């Protein structure tokens, strides 16, 4: 799973350095969501289907953020990273409970 997630997370790291070097770090948040979504989708190949769905949610949120709300990156990232993981945990707890 580490090898599967490495390209997405590595791309996020490289792009972070690029954005930092060009004083554009405030624009990195949607890119992080997209890179994380790619990594989670890749890990989802070795896990439950719900993991892939979380990755797809990050890809969708990152795309919307990049195209529609580029100046709202940090709040959007906070909502998605916190919200998607909490929602995933709740859904998985309910699934295992039944």
PDB file of N, CA and C in Angstrom:
ATOM      1  N   UNK A   1       0.825  -1.178   0.000  1.00  0.00           N
ATOM      2  CA  UNK A   1       0.000   0.000   0.000  1.00  0.00           C
ATOM      3  C   UNK A   1       0.877   1.252   0.000  1.00  0.00           C
ATOM      4  N   UNK A   2       2.019   1.175   0.655  1.00  0.00           N
ATOM      5  CA  UNK A   2       2.922   2.324   0.652  1.00  0.00           C
ATOM      6  C   UNK A   2       3.409   2.624  -0.759  1.00  0.00           C
ATOM      7  N   UNK A   3       3.719   1.592  -1.508  1.00  0.00           N
ATOM      8  CA  UNK A   3       4.153   1.801  -2.890  1.00  0.00           C
ATOM      9  C   UNK A   3       3.027   2.353  -3.756  1.00  0.00           C
ATOM     10  N   UNK A   4       1.810   1.938  -3.498  1.00  0.00           N
ATOM     11  CA  UNK A   4       0.671   2.414  -4.276  1.00  0.00           C
ATOM     12  C   UNK A   4       0.392   3.892  -4.006  1.00  0.00           C
ATOM     13  N   UNK A   5       0.557   4.315  -2.763  1.00  0.00           N
ATOM     14  CA  UNK A   5       0.267   5.705  -2.419  1.00  0.00           C
ATOM     15  C   UNK A   5       1.432   6.648  -2.703  1.00  0.00           C
ATOM     16  N   UNK A   6       2.624   6.120  -2.896  1.00  0.00           N
ATOM     17  CA  UNK A   6       3.816   6.953  -3.070  1.00  0.00           C
ATOM     18  C   UNK A   6       3.738   7.932  -4.247  1.00  0.00           C
ATOM     19  N   UNK A   7       3.255   7.541  -5.428  1.00  0.00           N
ATOM     20  CA  UNK A   7       3.202   8.518  -6.524  1.00  0.00           C
ATOM     21  C   UNK A   7       2.317   9.735  -6.219  1.00  0.00           C
ATOM     22  N   UNK A   8       1.158   9.512  -5.662  1.00  0.00           N
ATOM     23  CA  UNK A   8       0.271  10.632  -5.336  1.00  0.00           C
ATOM     24  C   UNK A   8       0.848  11.529  -4.258  1.00  0.00           C
ATOM     25  N   UNK A   9       1.342  10.918  -3.187  1.00  0.00           N
ATOM     26  CA  UNK A   9       1.899  11.706  -2.097  1.00  0.00           C
ATOM     27  C   UNK A   9       3.214  12.358  -2.501  1.00  0.00           C
ATOM     28  N   UNK A  10       4.019  11.649  -3.285  1.00  0.00           N
ATOM     29  CA  UNK A  10       5.274  12.223  -3.773  1.00  0.00           C
ATOM     30  C   UNK A  10       5.034  13.406  -4.691  1.00  0.00           C
ATOM     31  N   UNK A  11       4.027  13.303  -5.545  1.00  0.00           N
ATOM     32  CA  UNK A  11       3.679  14.422  -6.421  1.00  0.00           C
ATOM     33  C   UNK A  11       3.247  15.626  -5.597  1.00  0.00           C
ATOM     34  N   UNK A  12       2.484  15.390  -4.554  1.00  0.00           N
ATOM     35  CA  UNK A  12       2.086  16.479  -3.659  1.00  0.00           C
ATOM     36  C   UNK A  12       3.289  17.146  -3.011  1.00  0.00           C
ATOM     37  N   UNK A  13       4.277  16.361  -2.623  1.00  0.00           N
ATOM     38  CA  UNK A  13       5.487  16.919  -2.012  1.00  0.00           C
ATOM     39  C   UNK A  13       6.280  17.760  -3.013  1.00  0.00           C
ATOM     40  N   UNK A  14       6.440  17.255  -4.221  1.00  0.00           N
ATOM     41  CA  UNK A  14       7.186  17.993  -5.251  1.00  0.00           C
ATOM     42  C   UNK A  14       6.466  19.293  -5.601  1.00  0.00           C
ATOM     43  N   UNK A  15       5.148  19.225  -5.772  1.00  0.00           N
ATOM     44  CA  UNK A  15       4.398  20.438  -6.101  1.00  0.00           C
ATOM     45  C   UNK A  15       4.412  21.441  -4.951  1.00  0.00           C
ATOM     46  N   UNK A  16       4.439  20.952  -3.713  1.00  0.00           N
ATOM     47  CA  UNK A  16       4.555  21.845  -2.566  1.00  0.00           C
ATOM     48  C   UNK A  16       5.857  22.629  -2.637  1.00  0.00           C
ATOM     49  N   UNK A  17       6.958  21.955  -2.946  1.00  0.00           N
ATOM     50  CA  UNK A  17       8.244  22.645  -3.073  1.00  0.00           C
ATOM     51  C   UNK A  17       8.203  23.679  -4.195  1.00  0.00           C
ATOM     52  N   UNK A  18       7.573  23.334  -5.310  1.00  0.00           N
ATOM     53  CA  UNK A  18       7.451  24.266  -6.428  1.00  0.00           C
ATOM     54  C   UNK A  18       6.645  25.500  -6.029  1.00  0.00           C
ATOM     55  N   UNK A  19       5.481  25.277  -5.420  1.00  0.00           N
ATOM     56  CA  UNK A  19       4.633  26.394  -5.007  1.00  0.00           C
ATOM     57  C   UNK A  19       5.338  27.250  -3.964  1.00  0.00           C
ATOM     58  N   UNK A  20       6.060  26.614  -3.058  1.00  0.00           N
ATOM     59  CA  UNK A  20       6.802  27.341  -2.030  1.00  0.00           C
ATOM     60  C   UNK A  20       7.902  28.193  -2.657  1.00  0.00           C
ATOM     61  N   UNK A  21       8.601  27.645  -3.611  1.00  0.00           N
ATOM     62  CA  UNK A  21       9.684  28.353  -4.285  1.00  0.00           C
ATOM     63  C   UNK A  21       9.168  29.580  -5.045  1.00  0.00           C
ATOM     64  N   UNK A  22       7.954  29.525  -5.530  1.00  0.00           N
ATOM     65  CA  UNK A  22       7.386  30.625  -6.314  1.00  0.00           C
ATOM     66  C   UNK A  22       6.393  31.486  -5.518  1.00  0.00           C
ATOM     67  N   UNK A  23       6.442  31.392  -4.192  1.00  0.00           N
ATOM     68  CA  UNK A  23       5.563  32.166  -3.303  1.00  0.00           C
ATOM     69  C   UNK A  23       4.080  32.003  -3.644  1.00  0.00           C
ATOM     70  N   UNK A  24       3.683  30.804  -3.962  1.00  0.00           N
ATOM     71  CA  UNK A  24       2.292  30.497  -4.301  1.00  0.00           C
ATOM     72  C   UNK A  24       1.698  29.463  -3.347  1.00  0.00           C
ATOM     73  N   UNK A  25       2.278  29.345  -2.165  1.00  0.00           N
ATOM     74  CA  UNK A  25       1.845  28.283  -1.251  1.00  0.00           C
ATOM     75  C   UNK A  25       0.359  28.394  -0.895  1.00  0.00           C
ATOM     76  N   UNK A  26      -0.197  29.587  -0.942  1.00  0.00           N
ATOM     77  CA  UNK A  26      -1.624  29.759  -0.624  1.00  0.00           C
ATOM     78  C   UNK A  26      -2.521  29.047  -1.635  1.00  0.00           C
ATOM     79  N   UNK A  27      -1.982  28.666  -2.787  1.00  0.00           N
ATOM     80  CA  UNK A  27      -2.767  27.977  -3.812  1.00  0.00           C
ATOM     81  C   UNK A  27      -2.610  26.456  -3.773  1.00  0.00           C
ATOM     82  N   UNK A  28      -1.871  25.921  -2.819  1.00  0.00           N
ATOM     83  CA  UNK A  28      -1.529  24.494  -2.819  1.00  0.00           C
ATOM     84  C   UNK A  28      -2.660  23.598  -2.317  1.00  0.00           C
ATOM     85  N   UNK A  29      -3.608  24.130  -1.575  1.00  0.00           N
ATOM     86  CA  UNK A  29      -4.587  23.289  -0.892  1.00  0.00           C
ATOM     87  C   UNK A  29      -5.421  22.405  -1.828  1.00  0.00           C
ATOM     88  N   UNK A  30      -5.960  22.919  -2.925  1.00  0.00           N
ATOM     89  CA  UNK A  30      -6.693  22.012  -3.820  1.00  0.00           C
ATOM     90  C   UNK A  30      -5.791  20.944  -4.443  1.00  0.00           C
ATOM     91  N   UNK A  31      -4.542  21.300  -4.678  1.00  0.00           N
ATOM     92  CA  UNK A  31      -3.586  20.338  -5.233  1.00  0.00           C
ATOM     93  C   UNK A  31      -3.335  19.227  -4.227  1.00  0.00           C
ATOM     94  N   UNK A  32      -3.220  19.578  -2.959  1.00  0.00           N
ATOM     95  CA  UNK A  32      -3.054  18.552  -1.921  1.00  0.00           C
ATOM     96  C   UNK A  32      -4.257  17.615  -1.895  1.00  0.00           C
ATOM     97  N   UNK A  33      -5.463  18.176  -2.002  1.00  0.00           N
ATOM     98  CA  UNK A  33      -6.659  17.322  -2.002  1.00  0.00           C
ATOM     99  C   UNK A  33      -6.642  16.361  -3.195  1.00  0.00           C
ATOM    100  N   UNK A  34      -6.246  16.860  -4.351  1.00  0.00           N
ATOM    101  CA  UNK A  34      -6.187  16.009  -5.540  1.00  0.00           C
ATOM    102  C   UNK A  34      -5.131  14.915  -5.391  1.00  0.00           C
ATOM    103  N   UNK A  35      -3.947  15.282  -4.912  1.00  0.00           N
ATOM    104  CA  UNK A  35      -2.878  14.292  -4.744  1.00  0.00           C
ATOM    105  C   UNK A  35      -3.244  13.254  -3.684  1.00  0.00           C
ATOM    106  N   UNK A  36      -3.853  13.698  -2.602  1.00  0.00           N
ATOM    107  CA  UNK A  36      -4.285  12.769  -1.569  1.00  0.00           C
ATOM    108  C   UNK A  36      -5.379  11.850  -2.102  1.00  0.00           C
ATOM    109  N   UNK A  37      -6.296  12.402  -2.885  1.00  0.00           N
ATOM    110  CA  UNK A  37      -7.347  11.585  -3.490  1.00  0.00           C
ATOM    111  C   UNK A  37      -6.785  10.504  -4.393  1.00  0.00           C
ATOM    112  N   UNK A  38      -5.761  10.851  -5.177  1.00  0.00           N
ATOM    113  CA  UNK A  38      -5.101   9.862  -6.037  1.00  0.00           C
ATOM    114  C   UNK A  38      -4.473   8.766  -5.186  1.00  0.00           C
ATOM    115  N   UNK A  39      -3.783   9.157  -4.119  1.00  0.00           N
ATOM    116  CA  UNK A  39      -3.126   8.178  -3.246  1.00  0.00           C
ATOM    117  C   UNK A  39      -4.150   7.268  -2.572  1.00  0.00           C
ATOM    118  N   UNK A  40      -5.250   7.831  -2.102  1.00  0.00           N
ATOM    119  CA  UNK A  40      -6.268   7.023  -1.422  1.00  0.00           C
ATOM    120  C   UNK A  40      -6.963   6.080  -2.413  1.00  0.00           C
ATOM    121  N   UNK A  41      -7.210   6.549  -3.623  1.00  0.00           N
ATOM    122  CA  UNK A  41      -7.794   5.661  -4.638  1.00  0.00           C
ATOM    123  C   UNK A  41      -6.860   4.484  -4.926  1.00  0.00           C
ATOM    124  N   UNK A  42      -5.570   4.749  -4.987  1.00  0.00           N
ATOM    125  CA  UNK A  42      -4.605   3.676  -5.231  1.00  0.00           C
ATOM    126  C   UNK A  42      -4.594   2.679  -4.073  1.00  0.00           C
ATOM    127  N   UNK A  43      -4.639   3.176  -2.851  1.00  0.00           N
ATOM    128  CA  UNK A  43      -4.676   2.298  -1.680  1.00  0.00           C
ATOM    129  C   UNK A  43      -5.990   1.517  -1.652  1.00  0.00           C
ATOM    130  N   UNK A  44      -7.052   2.129  -2.164  1.00  0.00           N
ATOM    131  CA  UNK A  44      -8.352   1.465  -2.195  1.00  0.00           C
ATOM    132  C   UNK A  44      -8.355   0.186  -3.013  1.00  0.00           C
ATOM    133  N   UNK A  45      -7.400   0.045  -3.905  1.00  0.00           N
ATOM    134  CA  UNK A  45      -7.301  -1.210  -4.667  1.00  0.00           C
ATOM    135  C   UNK A  45      -6.987  -2.400  -3.766  1.00  0.00           C
ATOM    136  N   UNK A  46      -6.405  -2.131  -2.601  1.00  0.00           N
ATOM    137  CA  UNK A  46      -6.026  -3.188  -1.659  1.00  0.00           C
ATOM    138  C   UNK A  46      -6.933  -3.228  -0.436  1.00  0.00           C
ATOM    139  N   UNK A  47      -8.008  -2.467  -0.465  1.00  0.00           N
ATOM    140  CA  UNK A  47      -8.848  -2.340   0.715  1.00  0.00           C
ATOM    141  C   UNK A  47     -10.317  -2.428   0.323  1.00  0.00           C
ATOM    142  N   UNK A  48     -11.163  -1.993   1.223  1.00  0.00           N
ATOM    143  CA  UNK A  48     -12.599  -2.013   0.982  1.00  0.00           C
ATOM    144  C   UNK A  48     -12.988  -0.941  -0.028  1.00  0.00           C
ATOM    145  N   UNK A  49     -14.097  -1.153  -0.665  1.00  0.00           N
ATOM    146  CA  UNK A  49     -14.587  -0.221  -1.684  1.00  0.00           C
ATOM    147  C   UNK A  49     -14.779   1.186  -1.125  1.00  0.00           C
ATOM    148  N   UNK A  50     -15.147   1.286   0.132  1.00  0.00           N
ATOM    149  CA  UNK A  50     -15.390   2.594   0.748  1.00  0.00           C
ATOM    150  C   UNK A  50     -14.140   3.468   0.749  1.00  0.00           C
ATOM    151  N   UNK A  51     -12.974   2.851   0.821  1.00  0.00           N
ATOM    152  CA  UNK A  51     -11.725   3.618   0.791  1.00  0.00           C
ATOM    153  C   UNK A  51     -11.577   4.309  -0.562  1.00  0.00           C
ATOM    154  N   UNK A  52     -11.867   3.598  -1.632  1.00  0.00           N
ATOM    155  CA  UNK A  52     -11.825   4.197  -2.966  1.00  0.00           C
ATOM    156  C   UNK A  52     -12.839   5.332  -3.074  1.00  0.00           C
ATOM    157  N   UNK A  53     -13.996   5.170  -2.465  1.00  0.00           N
ATOM    158  CA  UNK A  53     -15.005   6.228  -2.493  1.00  0.00           C
ATOM    159  C   UNK A  53     -14.533   7.482  -1.764  1.00  0.00           C
ATOM    160  N   UNK A  54     -13.794   7.312  -0.680  1.00  0.00           N
ATOM    161  CA  UNK A  54     -13.217   8.466   0.014  1.00  0.00           C
ATOM    162  C   UNK A  54     -12.217   9.164  -0.909  1.00  0.00           C
ATOM    163  N   UNK A  55     -11.399   8.403  -1.606  1.00  0.00           N
ATOM    164  CA  UNK A  55     -10.465   8.982  -2.559  1.00  0.00           C
ATOM    165  C   UNK A  55     -11.173   9.758  -3.650  1.00  0.00           C
ATOM    166  N   UNK A  56     -12.251   9.199  -4.152  1.00  0.00           N
ATOM    167  CA  UNK A  56     -13.034   9.894  -5.184  1.00  0.00           C
ATOM    168  C   UNK A  56     -13.654  11.178  -4.643  1.00  0.00           C
ATOM    169  N   UNK A  57     -14.076  11.144  -3.396  1.00  0.00           N
ATOM    170  CA  UNK A  57     -14.631  12.358  -2.788  1.00  0.00           C
ATOM    171  C   UNK A  57     -13.569  13.453  -2.722  1.00  0.00           C
ATOM    172  N   UNK A  58     -12.340  13.079  -2.371  1.00  0.00           N
ATOM    173  CA  UNK A  58     -11.253  14.062  -2.346  1.00  0.00           C
ATOM    174  C   UNK A  58     -10.939  14.583  -3.741  1.00  0.00           C
ATOM    175  N   UNK A  59     -10.989  13.717  -4.740  1.00  0.00           N
ATOM    176  CA  UNK A  59     -10.756  14.165  -6.114  1.00  0.00           C
ATOM    177  C   UNK A  59     -11.838  15.151  -6.549  1.00  0.00           C
ATOM    178  N   UNK A  60     -13.071  14.858  -6.229  1.00  0.00           N
ATOM    179  CA  UNK A  60     -14.159  15.771  -6.567  1.00  0.00           C
ATOM    180  C   UNK A  60     -14.053  17.097  -5.836  1.00  0.00           C
ATOM    181  N   UNK A  61     -13.773  17.032  -4.544  1.00  0.00           N
ATOM    182  CA  UNK A  61     -13.657  18.263  -3.755  1.00  0.00           C
ATOM    183  C   UNK A  61     -12.471  19.097  -4.219  1.00  0.00           C
ATOM    184  N   UNK A  62     -11.364  18.446  -4.499  1.00  0.00           N
ATOM    185  CA  UNK A  62     -10.188  19.174  -4.983  1.00  0.00           C
ATOM    186  C   UNK A  62     -10.446  19.827  -6.327  1.00  0.00           C
ATOM    187  N   UNK A  63     -11.146  19.134  -7.198  1.00  0.00           N
ATOM    188  CA  UNK A  63     -11.477  19.696  -8.513  1.00  0.00           C
ATOM    189  C   UNK A  63     -12.404  20.899  -8.372  1.00  0.00           C
ATOM    190  N   UNK A  64     -13.457  20.748  -7.576  1.00  0.00           N
ATOM    191  CA  UNK A  64     -14.371  21.872  -7.342  1.00  0.00           C
ATOM    192  C   UNK A  64     -13.644  23.055  -6.724  1.00  0.00           C
ATOM    193  N   UNK A  65     -12.798  22.778  -5.759  1.00  0.00           N
ATOM    194  CA  UNK A  65     -12.055  23.839  -5.097  1.00  0.00           C
ATOM    195  C   UNK A  65     -11.136  24.559  -6.075  1.00  0.00           C
ATOM    196  N   UNK A  66     -10.445  23.804  -6.890  1.00  0.00           N
ATOM    197  CA  UNK A  66      -9.506  24.389  -7.853  1.00  0.00           C
ATOM    198  C   UNK A  66     -10.226  25.231  -8.904  1.00  0.00           C
ATOM    199  N   UNK A  67     -11.366  24.756  -9.389  1.00  0.00           N
ATOM    200  CA  UNK A  67     -12.058  25.438 -10.479  1.00  0.00           C
ATOM    201  C   UNK A  67     -13.028  26.531 -10.021  1.00  0.00           C
ATOM    202  N   UNK A  68     -13.699  26.322  -8.891  1.00  0.00           N
ATOM    203  CA  UNK A  68     -14.746  27.253  -8.481  1.00  0.00           C
ATOM    204  C   UNK A  68     -14.387  28.150  -7.311  1.00  0.00           C
ATOM    205  N   UNK A  69     -13.575  27.649  -6.388  1.00  0.00           N
ATOM    206  CA  UNK A  69     -13.277  28.403  -5.169  1.00  0.00           C
ATOM    207  C   UNK A  69     -11.772  28.442  -4.885  1.00  0.00           C
ATOM    208  N   UNK A  70     -10.960  28.933  -5.817  1.00  0.00           N
ATOM    209  CA  UNK A  70      -9.507  28.867  -5.609  1.00  0.00           C
ATOM    210  C   UNK A  70      -9.018  29.698  -4.422  1.00  0.00           C
ATOM    211  N   UNK A  71      -9.781  30.683  -3.996  1.00  0.00           N
ATOM    212  CA  UNK A  71      -9.368  31.511  -2.863  1.00  0.00           C
ATOM    213  C   UNK A  71      -9.849  30.959  -1.523  1.00  0.00           C
ATOM    214  N   UNK A  72     -10.528  29.826  -1.525  1.00  0.00           N
ATOM    215  CA  UNK A  72     -11.046  29.215  -0.295  1.00  0.00           C
ATOM    216  C   UNK A  72     -10.383  27.866  -0.013  1.00  0.00           C
ATOM    217  N   UNK A  73      -9.134  27.731  -0.379  1.00  0.00           N
ATOM    218  CA  UNK A  73      -8.448  26.450  -0.282  1.00  0.00           C
ATOM    219  C   UNK A  73      -8.308  25.904   1.123  1.00  0.00           C
ATOM    220  N   UNK A  74      -7.824  26.726   2.046  1.00  0.00           N
ATOM    221  CA  UNK A  74      -7.588  26.229   3.407  1.00  0.00           C
ATOM    222  C   UNK A  74      -8.876  25.822   4.111  1.00  0.00           C
ATOM    223  N   UNK A  75      -9.936  26.646   4.097  1.00  0.00           N
ATOM    224  CA  UNK A  75     -11.168  26.180   4.739  1.00  0.00           C
ATOM    225  C   UNK A  75     -11.745  24.925   4.080  1.00  0.00           C
ATOM    226  N   UNK A  76     -11.665  24.858   2.764  1.00  0.00           N
ATOM    227  CA  UNK A  76     -12.178  23.681   2.052  1.00  0.00           C
ATOM    228  C   UNK A  76     -11.381  22.436   2.439  1.00  0.00           C
ATOM    229  N   UNK A  77     -10.070  22.590   2.550  1.00  0.00           N
ATOM    230  CA  UNK A  77      -9.253  21.441   2.928  1.00  0.00           C
ATOM    231  C   UNK A  77      -9.569  20.992   4.352  1.00  0.00           C
ATOM    232  N   UNK A  78      -9.776  21.956   5.239  1.00  0.00           N
ATOM    233  CA  UNK A  78     -10.115  21.608   6.625  1.00  0.00           C
ATOM    234  C   UNK A  78     -11.430  20.847   6.692  1.00  0.00           C
ATOM    235  N   UNK A  79     -12.414  21.315   5.925  1.00  0.00           N
ATOM    236  CA  UNK A  79     -13.724  20.653   5.918  1.00  0.00           C
ATOM    237  C   UNK A  79     -13.615  19.251   5.316  1.00  0.00           C
ATOM    238  N   UNK A  80     -12.885  19.117   4.214  1.00  0.00           N
ATOM    239  CA  UNK A  80     -12.818  17.811   3.570  1.00  0.00           C
ATOM    240  C   UNK A  80     -11.987  16.823   4.372  1.00  0.00           C
ATOM    241  N   UNK A  81     -10.806  17.221   4.805  1.00  0.00           N
ATOM    242  CA  UNK A  81      -9.971  16.266   5.534  1.00  0.00           C
ATOM    243  C   UNK A  81     -10.630  15.853   6.845  1.00  0.00           C
ATOM    244  N   UNK A  82     -11.182  16.799   7.560  1.00  0.00           N
ATOM    245  CA  UNK A  82     -11.877  16.444   8.791  1.00  0.00           C
ATOM    246  C   UNK A  82     -13.194  15.747   8.520  1.00  0.00           C
ATOM    247  N   UNK A  83     -14.001  16.352   7.680  1.00  0.00           N
ATOM    248  CA  UNK A  83     -15.351  15.847   7.426  1.00  0.00           C
ATOM    249  C   UNK A  83     -15.392  14.497   6.742  1.00  0.00           C
ATOM    250  N   UNK A  84     -14.596  14.316   5.689  1.00  0.00           N
ATOM    251  CA  UNK A  84     -14.626  13.045   4.968  1.00  0.00           C
ATOM    252  C   UNK A  84     -14.153  11.894   5.843  1.00  0.00           C
ATOM    253  N   UNK A  85     -13.123  12.135   6.650  1.00  0.00           N
ATOM    254  CA  UNK A  85     -12.623  11.052   7.497  1.00  0.00           C
ATOM    255  C   UNK A  85     -13.592  10.728   8.634  1.00  0.00           C
ATOM    256  N   UNK A  86     -14.206  11.749   9.192  1.00  0.00           N
ATOM    257  CA  UNK A  86     -15.204  11.505  10.240  1.00  0.00           C
ATOM    258  C   UNK A  86     -16.408  10.766   9.654  1.00  0.00           C
ATOM    259  N   UNK A  87     -16.892  11.219   8.502  1.00  0.00           N
ATOM    260  CA  UNK A  87     -18.019  10.550   7.852  1.00  0.00           C
ATOM    261  C   UNK A  87     -17.673   9.103   7.506  1.00  0.00           C
ATOM    262  N   UNK A  88     -16.480   8.883   6.996  1.00  0.00           N
ATOM    263  CA  UNK A  88     -16.039   7.519   6.686  1.00  0.00           C
ATOM    264  C   UNK A  88     -16.035   6.662   7.954  1.00  0.00           C
ATOM    265  N   UNK A  89     -15.519   7.191   9.045  1.00  0.00           N
ATOM    266  CA  UNK A  89     -15.498   6.449  10.302  1.00  0.00           C
ATOM    267  C   UNK A  89     -16.886   6.103  10.801  1.00  0.00           C
ATOM    268  N   UNK A  90     -17.798   7.051  10.704  1.00  0.00           N
ATOM    269  CA  UNK A  90     -19.178   6.802  11.139  1.00  0.00           C
ATOM    270  C   UNK A  90     -19.820   5.723  10.269  1.00  0.00           C
ATOM    271  N   UNK A  91     -19.659   5.847   8.946  1.00  0.00           N
ATOM    272  CA  UNK A  91     -20.252   4.860   8.043  1.00  0.00           C
ATOM    273  C   UNK A  91     -19.668   3.466   8.264  1.00  0.00           C
ATOM    274  N   UNK A  92     -18.378   3.382   8.491  1.00  0.00           N
ATOM    275  CA  UNK A  92     -17.754   2.078   8.716  1.00  0.00           C
ATOM    276  C   UNK A  92     -18.174   1.486  10.061  1.00  0.00           C
ATOM    277  N   UNK A  93     -18.334   2.339  11.061  1.00  0.00           N
ATOM    278  CA  UNK A  93     -18.782   1.845  12.371  1.00  0.00           C
ATOM    279  C   UNK A  93     -20.204   1.296  12.266  1.00  0.00           C
ATOM    280  N   UNK A  94     -21.048   1.978  11.518  1.00  0.00           N
ATOM    281  CA  UNK A  94     -22.422   1.502  11.339  1.00  0.00           C
ATOM    282  C   UNK A  94     -22.437   0.211  10.529  1.00  0.00           C
ATOM    283  N   UNK A  95     -21.581   0.126   9.534  1.00  0.00           N
ATOM    284  CA  UNK A  95     -21.531  -1.087   8.706  1.00  0.00           C
ATOM    285  C   UNK A  95     -21.070  -2.280   9.520  1.00  0.00           C
ATOM    286  N   UNK A  96     -20.059  -2.107  10.342  1.00  0.00           N
ATOM    287  CA  UNK A  96     -19.548  -3.210  11.161  1.00  0.00           C
ATOM    288  C   UNK A  96     -20.516  -3.576  12.273  1.00  0.00           C
ATOM    289  N   UNK A  97     -21.303  -2.639  12.700  1.00  0.00           N
ATOM    290  CA  UNK A  97     -22.241  -2.869  13.782  1.00  0.00           C
ATOM    291  C   UNK A  97     -23.396  -3.756  13.349  1.00  0.00           C
ATOM    292  N   UNK A  98     -23.820  -3.630  12.114  1.00  0.00           N
ATOM    293  CA  UNK A  98     -24.967  -4.391  11.623  1.00  0.00           C
ATOM    294  C   UNK A  98     -24.475  -5.724  11.231  1.00  0.00           C
TER     295      UNK A  98
END
